[in-house]
C-alpha cells in the first residue's frame, strides 16, 4: 500500500514551489492508480528517486529534466518559466553555503496551486487578475480573442493610469480582435510618455518562438494565472493554474519584465498595423 503523500510547503522557496507543481501535475495524470514517482521517472528517462528529490526541493532540476517534464506533464510552459527562478535560488544557496532542508508540512498545495478546467472559469480567473491590478499587469501570448476579457484590460488601464502594463507576444496575433486590442492600447497610452516619471506601456514580440518557449501568463502584483494545455480536450482553452500568493504573482510579473528586453518593440501604431495575423 503506498505511503500517504507528504504535504509540501510551496511557499518555502522557488524550488519548493517548483517541486509542488511537479507533484500536482504528476497526480493529475491519472486518478486510479495515481502515477507514482517511479512511473513518471520511467516516462522522463530518470530514476524515480530523482523525481522524488525534485518534488521535495532537495535536488536541483536541470534543463533536460524540466524539458522532459514539459513533454510528459500538462505544464504548458509553466515549469520552463519557473526554471530561472529555481536556478537563482539554488545559486543563492550555493553562495551562502547552505543546504536546502526537507520541506515540512505546512499550507496544502491546493491553497497556492488551484487548477481550473473550464473555459468560463479560466476567463473568470484571468479577469480577476486584471480587475485586481493596481501596480502591474503583465500578460503574455498571441492567441487572445475574448472581447470581454480584452475590454476589461482596456477599462482597467483607462481607469488606473498608474498601472504599468506589459504585453508580450510569441509570434504574430492569431486573431484580428487581438491586434485591434493592441491598437486600442496604443491609443489609450503612449509608450513614449514619461510624464508620470515611468513608462507605463510595454509591448514586444518574440518573432521566433523557438528562441523563447511560448507561455500564457496573466499576472498582477496580487494574483497570477498560468494557462496550460487542456486537461479536458486537446486544443481547448480551458485549463490553468491559479496562484493567489502575492509574492508568487509578483515573481511572474518580474519574469515577464525580464523577457521584455529580448523582444522586438511593437510600440507604435504603424508597427502594429504592419503586424500580420496568423489565422
C-alpha atoms as a PDB file:
ATOM      1  CA  UNK A   1       0.000   0.000   0.000  1.00  0.00           C
ATOM      2  CA  UNK A   2       1.566   3.371  -0.979  1.00  0.00           C
ATOM      3  CA  UNK A   3       2.529   5.749   1.783  1.00  0.00           C
ATOM      4  CA  UNK A   4       0.426   8.905   2.190  1.00  0.00           C
ATOM      5  CA  UNK A   5       1.853  11.879   0.341  1.00  0.00           C
ATOM      6  CA  UNK A   6       3.908  14.187   2.494  1.00  0.00           C
ATOM      7  CA  UNK A   7       2.423  17.695   2.275  1.00  0.00           C
ATOM      8  CA  UNK A   8       4.796  20.202   0.714  1.00  0.00           C
ATOM      9  CA  UNK A   9       5.131  23.844   1.642  1.00  0.00           C
ATOM     10  CA  UNK A  10       5.143  25.623  -1.722  1.00  0.00           C
ATOM     11  CA  UNK A  11       5.790  28.971  -0.015  1.00  0.00           C
ATOM     12  CA  UNK A  12       9.194  27.922   1.312  1.00  0.00           C
ATOM     13  CA  UNK A  13      11.168  28.796  -1.846  1.00  0.00           C
ATOM     14  CA  UNK A  14      11.035  28.733  -5.639  1.00  0.00           C
ATOM     15  CA  UNK A  15      12.450  25.176  -5.698  1.00  0.00           C
ATOM     16  CA  UNK A  16       9.688  24.244  -3.239  1.00  0.00           C
ATOM     17  CA  UNK A  17       7.012  25.758  -5.460  1.00  0.00           C
ATOM     18  CA  UNK A  18       8.535  24.012  -8.481  1.00  0.00           C
ATOM     19  CA  UNK A  19       8.529  20.671  -6.653  1.00  0.00           C
ATOM     20  CA  UNK A  20       4.938  21.144  -5.533  1.00  0.00           C
ATOM     21  CA  UNK A  21       3.937  21.946  -9.116  1.00  0.00           C
ATOM     22  CA  UNK A  22       5.625  18.797 -10.438  1.00  0.00           C
ATOM     23  CA  UNK A  23       3.862  16.723  -7.785  1.00  0.00           C
ATOM     24  CA  UNK A  24       0.437  18.191  -8.528  1.00  0.00           C
ATOM     25  CA  UNK A  25       0.856  17.765 -12.280  1.00  0.00           C
ATOM     26  CA  UNK A  26       2.009  14.165 -11.767  1.00  0.00           C
ATOM     27  CA  UNK A  27      -1.037  13.380  -9.639  1.00  0.00           C
ATOM     28  CA  UNK A  28      -3.345  14.832 -12.290  1.00  0.00           C
ATOM     29  CA  UNK A  29      -2.073  12.471 -14.969  1.00  0.00           C
ATOM     30  CA  UNK A  30      -4.277   9.632 -13.791  1.00  0.00           C
ATOM     31  CA  UNK A  31      -6.750   9.216 -10.955  1.00  0.00           C
ATOM     32  CA  UNK A  32      -6.592   5.442 -10.351  1.00  0.00           C
ATOM     33  CA  UNK A  33      -3.986   4.307  -9.761  1.00  0.00           C
ATOM     34  CA  UNK A  34      -2.032   7.508  -9.239  1.00  0.00           C
ATOM     35  CA  UNK A  35       1.100   7.910 -11.326  1.00  0.00           C
ATOM     36  CA  UNK A  36       3.966   7.144  -8.972  1.00  0.00           C
ATOM     37  CA  UNK A  37       7.316   8.911  -8.864  1.00  0.00           C
ATOM     38  CA  UNK A  38       8.833   5.741 -10.269  1.00  0.00           C
ATOM     39  CA  UNK A  39       6.411   5.627 -13.219  1.00  0.00           C
ATOM     40  CA  UNK A  40       6.934   9.301 -14.020  1.00  0.00           C
ATOM     41  CA  UNK A  41      10.670   8.776 -13.775  1.00  0.00           C
ATOM     42  CA  UNK A  42      10.452   5.984 -16.339  1.00  0.00           C
ATOM     43  CA  UNK A  43       8.495   8.257 -18.691  1.00  0.00           C
ATOM     44  CA  UNK A  44      11.080  11.005 -18.254  1.00  0.00           C
ATOM     45  CA  UNK A  45      14.121   8.765 -18.518  1.00  0.00           C
ATOM     46  CA  UNK A  46      15.146   9.417 -14.901  1.00  0.00           C
ATOM     47  CA  UNK A  47      15.122   7.362 -11.723  1.00  0.00           C
ATOM     48  CA  UNK A  48      12.033   7.667  -9.549  1.00  0.00           C
ATOM     49  CA  UNK A  49      14.198   8.864  -6.680  1.00  0.00           C
ATOM     50  CA  UNK A  50      15.202  11.833  -8.823  1.00  0.00           C
ATOM     51  CA  UNK A  51      11.552  12.785  -9.267  1.00  0.00           C
ATOM     52  CA  UNK A  52      11.019  12.465  -5.522  1.00  0.00           C
ATOM     53  CA  UNK A  53      14.040  14.596  -4.676  1.00  0.00           C
ATOM     54  CA  UNK A  54      12.975  17.333  -7.092  1.00  0.00           C
ATOM     55  CA  UNK A  55       9.448  17.294  -5.660  1.00  0.00           C
ATOM     56  CA  UNK A  56      10.912  17.725  -2.145  1.00  0.00           C
ATOM     57  CA  UNK A  57      13.202  20.515  -3.427  1.00  0.00           C
ATOM     58  CA  UNK A  58      16.354  18.734  -2.251  1.00  0.00           C
ATOM     59  CA  UNK A  59      17.731  18.168  -5.774  1.00  0.00           C
ATOM     60  CA  UNK A  60      18.321  20.868  -8.353  1.00  0.00           C
ATOM     61  CA  UNK A  61      16.440  20.084 -11.592  1.00  0.00           C
ATOM     62  CA  UNK A  62      18.487  20.522 -14.748  1.00  0.00           C
ATOM     63  CA  UNK A  63      17.217  21.776 -18.101  1.00  0.00           C
ATOM     64  CA  UNK A  64      16.876  18.245 -19.504  1.00  0.00           C
ATOM     65  CA  UNK A  65      14.689  17.162 -16.579  1.00  0.00           C
ATOM     66  CA  UNK A  66      12.452  20.209 -16.981  1.00  0.00           C
ATOM     67  CA  UNK A  67      12.132  19.753 -20.749  1.00  0.00           C
ATOM     68  CA  UNK A  68      11.137  16.117 -20.233  1.00  0.00           C
ATOM     69  CA  UNK A  69       8.573  17.178 -17.619  1.00  0.00           C
ATOM     70  CA  UNK A  70       7.106  19.686 -20.063  1.00  0.00           C
ATOM     71  CA  UNK A  71       6.754  16.832 -22.566  1.00  0.00           C
ATOM     72  CA  UNK A  72       5.059  14.403 -20.172  1.00  0.00           C
ATOM     73  CA  UNK A  73       3.105  16.706 -17.861  1.00  0.00           C
ATOM     74  CA  UNK A  74       0.339  19.211 -18.710  1.00  0.00           C
ATOM     75  CA  UNK A  75       2.548  22.125 -17.640  1.00  0.00           C
ATOM     76  CA  UNK A  76       2.056  24.395 -20.652  1.00  0.00           C
ATOM     77  CA  UNK A  77       5.444  26.058 -20.240  1.00  0.00           C
ATOM     78  CA  UNK A  78       4.936  26.760 -16.526  1.00  0.00           C
ATOM     79  CA  UNK A  79       7.914  24.671 -15.406  1.00  0.00           C
ATOM     80  CA  UNK A  80      10.211  26.203 -18.028  1.00  0.00           C
ATOM     81  CA  UNK A  81       9.060  29.655 -16.958  1.00  0.00           C
ATOM     82  CA  UNK A  82       9.885  28.869 -13.330  1.00  0.00           C
ATOM     83  CA  UNK A  83      13.325  27.360 -14.033  1.00  0.00           C
ATOM     84  CA  UNK A  84      15.307  30.653 -13.998  1.00  0.00           C
ATOM     85  CA  UNK A  85      13.820  31.468 -10.590  1.00  0.00           C
ATOM     86  CA  UNK A  86      14.597  27.971  -9.319  1.00  0.00           C
ATOM     87  CA  UNK A  87      18.178  28.248 -10.582  1.00  0.00           C
ATOM     88  CA  UNK A  88      18.604  31.642  -8.909  1.00  0.00           C
ATOM     89  CA  UNK A  89      17.502  30.192  -5.560  1.00  0.00           C
ATOM     90  CA  UNK A  90      19.914  27.266  -5.855  1.00  0.00           C
ATOM     91  CA  UNK A  91      22.729  29.653  -6.821  1.00  0.00           C
ATOM     92  CA  UNK A  92      21.983  31.729  -3.740  1.00  0.00           C
ATOM     93  CA  UNK A  93      22.014  28.647  -1.514  1.00  0.00           C
ATOM     94  CA  UNK A  94      25.361  27.670  -3.017  1.00  0.00           C
ATOM     95  CA  UNK A  95      26.781  31.165  -2.481  1.00  0.00           C
ATOM     96  CA  UNK A  96      25.716  31.157   1.157  1.00  0.00           C
ATOM     97  CA  UNK A  97      26.959  27.612   1.667  1.00  0.00           C
ATOM     98  CA  UNK A  98      23.621  26.333   2.961  1.00  0.00           C
ATOM     99  CA  UNK A  99      21.772  23.158   2.092  1.00  0.00           C
ATOM    100  CA  UNK A 100      18.047  23.060   1.377  1.00  0.00           C
ATOM    101  CA  UNK A 101      16.110  21.450   4.180  1.00  0.00           C
ATOM    102  CA  UNK A 102      13.468  18.825   3.724  1.00  0.00           C
ATOM    103  CA  UNK A 103      10.146  20.588   3.424  1.00  0.00           C
ATOM    104  CA  UNK A 104       7.927  20.445   6.485  1.00  0.00           C
ATOM    105  CA  UNK A 105       4.161  20.071   6.421  1.00  0.00           C
ATOM    106  CA  UNK A 106       2.510  23.432   6.041  1.00  0.00           C
ATOM    107  CA  UNK A 107      -0.102  25.002   3.798  1.00  0.00           C
ATOM    108  CA  UNK A 108      -1.633  22.398   1.458  1.00  0.00           C
ATOM    109  CA  UNK A 109      -0.569  22.755  -2.167  1.00  0.00           C
ATOM    110  CA  UNK A 110      -4.159  23.354  -3.148  1.00  0.00           C
ATOM    111  CA  UNK A 111      -4.106  26.711  -1.378  1.00  0.00           C
ATOM    112  CA  UNK A 112      -1.480  28.071  -3.774  1.00  0.00           C
ATOM    113  CA  UNK A 113      -1.836  25.900  -6.868  1.00  0.00           C
ATOM    114  CA  UNK A 114      -5.510  25.716  -7.807  1.00  0.00           C
ATOM    115  CA  UNK A 115      -6.436  24.084 -11.090  1.00  0.00           C
ATOM    116  CA  UNK A 116      -9.354  25.336 -13.200  1.00  0.00           C
ATOM    117  CA  UNK A 117     -10.668  23.192 -16.044  1.00  0.00           C
ATOM    118  CA  UNK A 118     -13.399  25.115 -17.840  1.00  0.00           C
ATOM    119  CA  UNK A 119     -13.231  27.953 -20.353  1.00  0.00           C
ATOM    120  CA  UNK A 120     -15.568  30.129 -18.304  1.00  0.00           C
ATOM    121  CA  UNK A 121     -13.645  29.575 -15.065  1.00  0.00           C
ATOM    122  CA  UNK A 122     -10.300  30.257 -16.735  1.00  0.00           C
ATOM    123  CA  UNK A 123     -11.534  33.547 -18.224  1.00  0.00           C
ATOM    124  CA  UNK A 124     -13.096  34.452 -14.889  1.00  0.00           C
ATOM    125  CA  UNK A 125      -9.792  33.911 -13.062  1.00  0.00           C
ATOM    126  CA  UNK A 126      -7.893  35.950 -15.652  1.00  0.00           C
ATOM    127  CA  UNK A 127     -10.457  38.742 -15.309  1.00  0.00           C
ATOM    128  CA  UNK A 128      -9.949  38.696 -11.526  1.00  0.00           C
ATOM    129  CA  UNK A 129      -6.231  39.245 -12.086  1.00  0.00           C
ATOM    130  CA  UNK A 130      -6.938  42.201 -14.376  1.00  0.00           C
ATOM    131  CA  UNK A 131      -9.528  43.777 -12.057  1.00  0.00           C
ATOM    132  CA  UNK A 132      -7.186  43.460  -9.064  1.00  0.00           C
ATOM    133  CA  UNK A 133      -4.212  45.189 -10.704  1.00  0.00           C
ATOM    134  CA  UNK A 134      -3.188  48.445  -9.039  1.00  0.00           C
ATOM    135  CA  UNK A 135       0.549  48.496  -9.851  1.00  0.00           C
ATOM    136  CA  UNK A 136       1.351  45.987 -12.602  1.00  0.00           C
ATOM    137  CA  UNK A 137      -0.471  43.939 -15.208  1.00  0.00           C
ATOM    138  CA  UNK A 138       1.738  41.507 -17.134  1.00  0.00           C
ATOM    139  CA  UNK A 139       0.179  39.393 -19.895  1.00  0.00           C
ATOM    140  CA  UNK A 140       1.806  37.106 -22.463  1.00  0.00           C
ATOM    141  CA  UNK A 141       0.632  35.190 -25.515  1.00  0.00           C
ATOM    142  CA  UNK A 142      -0.657  35.930 -29.009  1.00  0.00           C
ATOM    143  CA  UNK A 143      -3.921  33.971 -29.005  1.00  0.00           C
ATOM    144  CA  UNK A 144      -6.336  36.218 -27.086  1.00  0.00           C
ATOM    145  CA  UNK A 145      -9.680  36.823 -28.748  1.00  0.00           C
ATOM    146  CA  UNK A 146     -12.291  37.075 -25.981  1.00  0.00           C
ATOM    147  CA  UNK A 147     -13.562  40.626 -26.378  1.00  0.00           C
ATOM    148  CA  UNK A 148     -14.927  40.806 -22.832  1.00  0.00           C
ATOM    149  CA  UNK A 149     -11.552  39.952 -21.316  1.00  0.00           C
ATOM    150  CA  UNK A 150      -9.670  42.296 -23.652  1.00  0.00           C
ATOM    151  CA  UNK A 151     -12.133  45.106 -22.940  1.00  0.00           C
ATOM    152  CA  UNK A 152     -11.598  44.616 -19.211  1.00  0.00           C
ATOM    153  CA  UNK A 153      -7.861  45.169 -19.692  1.00  0.00           C
ATOM    154  CA  UNK A 154      -8.598  48.367 -21.585  1.00  0.00           C
ATOM    155  CA  UNK A 155     -11.013  49.560 -18.905  1.00  0.00           C
ATOM    156  CA  UNK A 156      -8.528  48.995 -16.097  1.00  0.00           C
ATOM    157  CA  UNK A 157      -5.742  50.786 -17.948  1.00  0.00           C
ATOM    158  CA  UNK A 158      -8.043  53.717 -18.690  1.00  0.00           C
ATOM    159  CA  UNK A 159      -9.352  53.950 -15.114  1.00  0.00           C
ATOM    160  CA  UNK A 160      -5.975  53.407 -13.417  1.00  0.00           C
ATOM    161  CA  UNK A 161      -3.283  55.414 -15.205  1.00  0.00           C
ATOM    162  CA  UNK A 162      -0.696  54.361 -12.623  1.00  0.00           C
ATOM    163  CA  UNK A 163      -0.846  50.656 -13.644  1.00  0.00           C
ATOM    164  CA  UNK A 164       2.213  49.602 -15.664  1.00  0.00           C
ATOM    165  CA  UNK A 165       1.196  47.164 -18.401  1.00  0.00           C
ATOM    166  CA  UNK A 166       3.434  44.607 -20.115  1.00  0.00           C
ATOM    167  CA  UNK A 167       2.103  42.670 -23.112  1.00  0.00           C
ATOM    168  CA  UNK A 168       4.450  40.164 -24.749  1.00  0.00           C
ATOM    169  CA  UNK A 169       3.588  38.261 -27.937  1.00  0.00           C
ATOM    170  CA  UNK A 170       5.053  34.979 -29.130  1.00  0.00           C
ATOM    171  CA  UNK A 171       4.673  35.244 -32.863  1.00  0.00           C
ATOM    172  CA  UNK A 172       2.014  37.380 -34.575  1.00  0.00           C
ATOM    173  CA  UNK A 173      -1.571  37.655 -33.291  1.00  0.00           C
ATOM    174  CA  UNK A 174      -3.798  34.692 -34.095  1.00  0.00           C
ATOM    175  CA  UNK A 175      -6.935  36.840 -34.316  1.00  0.00           C
ATOM    176  CA  UNK A 176      -7.785  40.288 -35.645  1.00  0.00           C
ATOM    177  CA  UNK A 177      -9.618  41.056 -32.389  1.00  0.00           C
ATOM    178  CA  UNK A 178      -6.315  40.853 -30.550  1.00  0.00           C
ATOM    179  CA  UNK A 179      -4.462  43.132 -32.960  1.00  0.00           C
ATOM    180  CA  UNK A 180      -7.311  45.637 -32.660  1.00  0.00           C
ATOM    181  CA  UNK A 181      -6.932  45.427 -28.878  1.00  0.00           C
ATOM    182  CA  UNK A 182      -3.219  46.251 -29.166  1.00  0.00           C
ATOM    183  CA  UNK A 183      -4.041  49.296 -31.307  1.00  0.00           C
ATOM    184  CA  UNK A 184      -6.503  50.474 -28.676  1.00  0.00           C
ATOM    185  CA  UNK A 185      -3.808  50.131 -26.016  1.00  0.00           C
ATOM    186  CA  UNK A 186      -1.563  52.444 -28.021  1.00  0.00           C
ATOM    187  CA  UNK A 187      -4.465  54.903 -28.267  1.00  0.00           C
ATOM    188  CA  UNK A 188      -5.066  54.752 -24.518  1.00  0.00           C
ATOM    189  CA  UNK A 189      -1.392  55.117 -23.648  1.00  0.00           C
ATOM    190  CA  UNK A 190       1.632  56.482 -25.421  1.00  0.00           C
ATOM    191  CA  UNK A 191       4.590  54.177 -24.707  1.00  0.00           C
ATOM    192  CA  UNK A 192       6.946  57.157 -25.080  1.00  0.00           C
ATOM    193  CA  UNK A 193       5.112  59.177 -22.412  1.00  0.00           C
ATOM    194  CA  UNK A 194       7.172  59.670 -19.237  1.00  0.00           C
ATOM    195  CA  UNK A 195       5.058  62.447 -17.723  1.00  0.00           C
ATOM    196  CA  UNK A 196       4.435  60.340 -14.614  1.00  0.00           C
ATOM    197  CA  UNK A 197       8.139  59.559 -14.332  1.00  0.00           C
ATOM    198  CA  UNK A 198       7.876  55.996 -15.643  1.00  0.00           C
ATOM    199  CA  UNK A 199       6.955  54.222 -18.840  1.00  0.00           C
ATOM    200  CA  UNK A 200       3.526  52.642 -18.412  1.00  0.00           C
ATOM    201  CA  UNK A 201       3.041  50.551 -21.570  1.00  0.00           C
ATOM    202  CA  UNK A 202       5.422  47.899 -22.892  1.00  0.00           C
ATOM    203  CA  UNK A 203       4.525  45.831 -25.964  1.00  0.00           C
ATOM    204  CA  UNK A 204       7.031  43.443 -27.531  1.00  0.00           C
ATOM    205  CA  UNK A 205       7.113  40.329 -29.680  1.00  0.00           C
ATOM    206  CA  UNK A 206       9.310  37.245 -29.812  1.00  0.00           C
ATOM    207  CA  UNK A 207       9.365  36.767 -33.582  1.00  0.00           C
ATOM    208  CA  UNK A 208      10.633  33.202 -33.395  1.00  0.00           C
ATOM    209  CA  UNK A 209       9.032  31.249 -30.507  1.00  0.00           C
ATOM    210  CA  UNK A 210      11.918  28.786 -30.775  1.00  0.00           C
ATOM    211  CA  UNK A 211      14.049  31.475 -29.113  1.00  0.00           C
ATOM    212  CA  UNK A 212      11.692  31.606 -26.132  1.00  0.00           C
ATOM    213  CA  UNK A 213       9.029  28.950 -25.473  1.00  0.00           C
ATOM    214  CA  UNK A 214       5.520  30.351 -25.731  1.00  0.00           C
ATOM    215  CA  UNK A 215       3.814  30.827 -22.397  1.00  0.00           C
ATOM    216  CA  UNK A 216       0.452  32.195 -21.298  1.00  0.00           C
ATOM    217  CA  UNK A 217       0.723  34.351 -18.175  1.00  0.00           C
ATOM    218  CA  UNK A 218      -1.718  36.848 -16.717  1.00  0.00           C
ATOM    219  CA  UNK A 219      -0.269  38.378 -13.549  1.00  0.00           C
ATOM    220  CA  UNK A 220      -0.684  41.382 -11.296  1.00  0.00           C
ATOM    221  CA  UNK A 221       1.066  42.231  -8.049  1.00  0.00           C
ATOM    222  CA  UNK A 222      -1.538  40.181  -6.171  1.00  0.00           C
ATOM    223  CA  UNK A 223      -2.566  37.209  -8.287  1.00  0.00           C
ATOM    224  CA  UNK A 224      -1.486  35.220 -11.331  1.00  0.00           C
ATOM    225  CA  UNK A 225      -2.949  32.686 -13.746  1.00  0.00           C
ATOM    226  CA  UNK A 226      -0.896  30.428 -15.983  1.00  0.00           C
ATOM    227  CA  UNK A 227      -2.894  28.824 -18.797  1.00  0.00           C
ATOM    228  CA  UNK A 228      -1.798  25.263 -19.545  1.00  0.00           C
ATOM    229  CA  UNK A 229      -2.719  22.674 -22.203  1.00  0.00           C
ATOM    230  CA  UNK A 230      -6.263  21.440 -21.732  1.00  0.00           C
ATOM    231  CA  UNK A 231      -6.692  18.567 -19.321  1.00  0.00           C
ATOM    232  CA  UNK A 232     -10.211  18.085 -20.743  1.00  0.00           C
ATOM    233  CA  UNK A 233      -9.929  18.006 -24.539  1.00  0.00           C
ATOM    234  CA  UNK A 234      -6.859  18.634 -26.665  1.00  0.00           C
ATOM    235  CA  UNK A 235      -6.980  22.038 -28.284  1.00  0.00           C
ATOM    236  CA  UNK A 236      -9.386  23.618 -25.799  1.00  0.00           C
ATOM    237  CA  UNK A 237      -8.533  26.806 -23.922  1.00  0.00           C
ATOM    238  CA  UNK A 238      -9.999  25.771 -20.588  1.00  0.00           C
ATOM    239  CA  UNK A 239      -7.251  24.831 -18.141  1.00  0.00           C
ATOM    240  CA  UNK A 240      -4.969  26.896 -15.953  1.00  0.00           C
ATOM    241  CA  UNK A 241      -3.200  27.141 -12.616  1.00  0.00           C
ATOM    242  CA  UNK A 242      -4.191  29.967 -10.272  1.00  0.00           C
ATOM    243  CA  UNK A 243      -1.554  31.460  -7.953  1.00  0.00           C
ATOM    244  CA  UNK A 244      -3.090  33.519  -5.149  1.00  0.00           C
ATOM    245  CA  UNK A 245       0.055  34.266  -3.131  1.00  0.00           C
ATOM    246  CA  UNK A 246       1.235  37.855  -3.833  1.00  0.00           C
ATOM    247  CA  UNK A 247       4.948  37.037  -3.740  1.00  0.00           C
ATOM    248  CA  UNK A 248       4.432  34.343  -6.372  1.00  0.00           C
ATOM    249  CA  UNK A 249       2.310  36.666  -8.503  1.00  0.00           C
ATOM    250  CA  UNK A 250       4.993  39.376  -8.324  1.00  0.00           C
ATOM    251  CA  UNK A 251       7.608  36.829  -9.367  1.00  0.00           C
ATOM    252  CA  UNK A 252       5.614  36.112 -12.532  1.00  0.00           C
ATOM    253  CA  UNK A 253       5.419  39.863 -13.210  1.00  0.00           C
ATOM    254  CA  UNK A 254       9.189  40.021 -12.794  1.00  0.00           C
ATOM    255  CA  UNK A 255       9.573  37.080 -15.175  1.00  0.00           C
ATOM    256  CA  UNK A 256       7.658  38.962 -17.888  1.00  0.00           C
ATOM    257  CA  UNK A 257       9.691  42.120 -17.243  1.00  0.00           C
ATOM    258  CA  UNK A 258      12.916  40.153 -17.714  1.00  0.00           C
ATOM    259  CA  UNK A 259      11.762  38.654 -21.021  1.00  0.00           C
ATOM    260  CA  UNK A 260      10.733  42.042 -22.436  1.00  0.00           C
ATOM    261  CA  UNK A 261      14.303  43.276 -23.277  1.00  0.00           C
ATOM    262  CA  UNK A 262      14.729  40.343 -25.689  1.00  0.00           C
ATOM    263  CA  UNK A 263      11.606  41.288 -27.679  1.00  0.00           C
ATOM    264  CA  UNK A 264      11.159  43.414 -30.795  1.00  0.00           C
ATOM    265  CA  UNK A 265       9.197  46.501 -29.826  1.00  0.00           C
ATOM    266  CA  UNK A 266       5.642  46.992 -31.103  1.00  0.00           C
ATOM    267  CA  UNK A 267       5.047  50.376 -29.584  1.00  0.00           C
ATOM    268  CA  UNK A 268       3.778  52.468 -32.490  1.00  0.00           C
ATOM    269  CA  UNK A 269       0.503  52.247 -34.363  1.00  0.00           C
ATOM    270  CA  UNK A 270       2.388  51.647 -37.602  1.00  0.00           C
ATOM    271  CA  UNK A 271       4.312  48.710 -36.126  1.00  0.00           C
ATOM    272  CA  UNK A 272       1.021  47.148 -35.045  1.00  0.00           C
ATOM    273  CA  UNK A 273      -0.659  47.820 -38.399  1.00  0.00           C
ATOM    274  CA  UNK A 274       2.283  46.139 -40.149  1.00  0.00           C
ATOM    275  CA  UNK A 275       1.912  43.105 -37.917  1.00  0.00           C
ATOM    276  CA  UNK A 276       0.284  40.209 -39.723  1.00  0.00           C
ATOM    277  CA  UNK A 277      -2.411  37.962 -38.305  1.00  0.00           C
ATOM    278  CA  UNK A 278      -1.526  34.262 -38.458  1.00  0.00           C
ATOM    279  CA  UNK A 279      -5.108  32.996 -38.852  1.00  0.00           C
END
